[in-house]
């Protein structure tokens, strides 16, 4: 297997995003084929991708408030590439890009089963509040 290539904010198609997000996740986490990722990508501070050849196998998005707070969203690694450090590399590149953009903090929300992953990526626990809107 050739080494993966990582890129910051390359052009992506909806088909590429659907192929990655539609495999290996519970139904509530998959994107329907009709969803349009282009507004999400256009409004991101940066997003980091991992490619195996031409195939998108990893993605993480960094949204932000336009100043100093960034938010890590949609971390995904294709099941064929999990447990090989791909997710940690995606997050490390996202952290570096947010820092280079002048952000002072990077937030992430996650379910308890992902705690070991995000702690291994360097995130610290903090209090947060949430109002579910749906």
Protein backbone atom coordinates (compact mmCIF):
# COMPACT_ATOMS: atom_id res chain seq x y z
CA UNK A 1 0.00 0.00 0.00
CA UNK A 2 1.34 3.42 -0.98
CA UNK A 3 1.62 6.06 1.73
CA UNK A 4 -1.35 8.31 2.20
CA UNK A 5 -1.18 11.94 1.12
CA UNK A 6 -2.54 14.66 3.38
CA UNK A 7 -3.76 17.98 2.00
CA UNK A 8 -5.19 21.21 3.38
CA UNK A 9 -8.49 22.28 1.80
CA UNK A 10 -8.18 20.65 -1.63
CA UNK A 11 -11.19 20.79 -3.95
CA UNK A 12 -13.63 18.01 -2.99
CA UNK A 13 -16.79 16.81 -4.67
CA UNK A 14 -19.99 15.88 -2.93
CA UNK A 15 -19.52 12.35 -4.31
CA UNK A 16 -16.15 12.03 -2.55
CA UNK A 17 -17.64 13.22 0.73
CA UNK A 18 -20.66 10.91 0.45
CA UNK A 19 -18.40 7.94 -0.29
CA UNK A 20 -16.40 8.56 2.91
CA UNK A 21 -19.26 9.55 5.20
CA UNK A 22 -21.58 6.82 3.95
CA UNK A 23 -19.45 3.88 5.12
CA UNK A 24 -18.72 2.54 8.56
CA UNK A 25 -20.83 4.85 10.68
CA UNK A 26 -24.26 4.66 12.30
CA UNK A 27 -27.06 5.90 10.07
CA UNK A 28 -27.43 9.16 12.01
CA UNK A 29 -23.84 10.08 11.08
CA UNK A 30 -24.03 9.44 7.35
CA UNK A 31 -24.80 12.09 4.80
CA UNK A 32 -27.72 11.49 2.49
CA UNK A 33 -26.74 11.48 -1.18
CA UNK A 34 -28.61 14.74 -1.65
CA UNK A 35 -26.67 16.80 0.90
CA UNK A 36 -24.41 19.51 -0.43
CA UNK A 37 -21.01 19.73 1.25
CA UNK A 38 -19.87 22.76 -0.76
CA UNK A 39 -21.24 25.45 1.64
CA UNK A 40 -19.61 23.62 4.57
CA UNK A 41 -16.24 23.45 2.81
CA UNK A 42 -16.46 27.07 1.62
CA UNK A 43 -17.08 28.35 5.15
CA UNK A 44 -14.38 26.31 6.86
CA UNK A 45 -11.24 27.86 8.25
CA UNK A 46 -9.51 24.80 6.84
CA UNK A 47 -10.21 21.13 6.36
CA UNK A 48 -7.66 18.36 6.26
CA UNK A 49 -7.91 15.36 3.96
CA UNK A 50 -6.16 12.04 3.59
CA UNK A 51 -6.05 10.33 0.20
CA UNK A 52 -5.14 6.79 -0.75
CA UNK A 53 -4.32 7.48 -4.38
CA UNK A 54 -7.40 9.30 -5.67
CA UNK A 55 -9.73 7.97 -2.96
CA UNK A 56 -10.64 10.20 -0.02
CA UNK A 57 -10.05 8.10 3.11
CA UNK A 58 -9.84 10.75 5.84
CA UNK A 59 -11.34 14.15 6.63
CA UNK A 60 -11.60 16.64 9.45
CA UNK A 61 -13.13 20.10 9.31
CA UNK A 62 -12.10 23.20 11.26
CA UNK A 63 -14.91 25.71 11.58
CA UNK A 64 -14.31 28.98 13.38
CA UNK A 65 -15.78 32.20 14.66
CA UNK A 66 -13.64 34.35 12.35
CA UNK A 67 -11.24 35.35 15.11
CA UNK A 68 -9.76 33.16 17.81
CA UNK A 69 -12.05 30.18 18.44
CA UNK A 70 -11.91 27.13 16.19
CA UNK A 71 -14.07 24.03 16.28
CA UNK A 72 -13.11 20.54 15.14
CA UNK A 73 -15.94 18.80 13.30
CA UNK A 74 -16.64 15.71 11.23
CA UNK A 75 -13.49 13.70 11.92
CA UNK A 76 -13.77 10.65 9.66
CA UNK A 77 -11.44 7.85 8.64
CA UNK A 78 -12.48 5.10 6.23
CA UNK A 79 -12.77 1.73 8.03
CA UNK A 80 -9.97 0.30 5.85
CA UNK A 81 -7.57 2.88 7.30
CA UNK A 82 -8.57 3.04 10.96
CA UNK A 83 -6.20 2.22 13.83
CA UNK A 84 -3.19 3.25 11.74
CA UNK A 85 -2.74 6.80 13.07
CA UNK A 86 -4.61 8.50 10.22
CA UNK A 87 -7.10 10.23 12.51
CA UNK A 88 -4.33 11.52 14.76
CA UNK A 89 -2.47 12.88 11.73
CA UNK A 90 -5.61 14.62 10.48
CA UNK A 91 -6.20 16.22 13.88
CA UNK A 92 -2.53 17.23 14.29
CA UNK A 93 -2.61 19.01 10.94
CA UNK A 94 -5.91 20.68 11.86
CA UNK A 95 -4.41 21.88 15.15
CA UNK A 96 -1.38 23.29 13.35
CA UNK A 97 -3.54 25.07 10.76
CA UNK A 98 -5.80 26.62 13.41
CA UNK A 99 -2.76 27.80 15.35
CA UNK A 100 -1.19 29.25 12.19
CA UNK A 101 -4.43 31.16 11.51
CA UNK A 102 -4.12 32.83 14.93
CA UNK A 103 -6.74 30.83 16.78
CA UNK A 104 -6.23 30.63 20.52
CA UNK A 105 -8.38 27.59 21.28
CA UNK A 106 -9.66 24.56 19.41
CA UNK A 107 -12.86 22.98 20.71
CA UNK A 108 -14.21 19.50 20.00
CA UNK A 109 -17.38 17.75 21.09
CA UNK A 110 -17.57 13.97 21.02
CA UNK A 111 -19.33 10.97 22.43
CA UNK A 112 -17.77 9.12 25.40
CA UNK A 113 -16.49 6.24 23.25
CA UNK A 114 -14.19 8.69 21.43
CA UNK A 115 -12.60 10.04 24.61
CA UNK A 116 -9.41 7.92 24.34
CA UNK A 117 -8.86 9.13 20.76
CA UNK A 118 -9.28 12.83 21.50
CA UNK A 119 -7.25 12.66 24.71
CA UNK A 120 -4.47 10.96 22.71
CA UNK A 121 -4.70 13.88 20.27
CA UNK A 122 -3.99 16.31 23.12
CA UNK A 123 -7.45 17.59 24.01
CA UNK A 124 -8.12 18.37 27.66
CA UNK A 125 -11.46 17.90 29.35
CA UNK A 126 -13.41 21.05 30.06
CA UNK A 127 -16.89 22.01 31.10
CA UNK A 128 -19.23 22.87 28.27
CA UNK A 129 -22.90 23.53 27.83
CA UNK A 130 -25.25 22.33 25.13
CA UNK A 131 -28.78 23.13 24.04
CA UNK A 132 -30.07 20.44 21.67
CA UNK A 133 -31.93 22.18 18.86
CA UNK A 134 -33.54 19.06 17.38
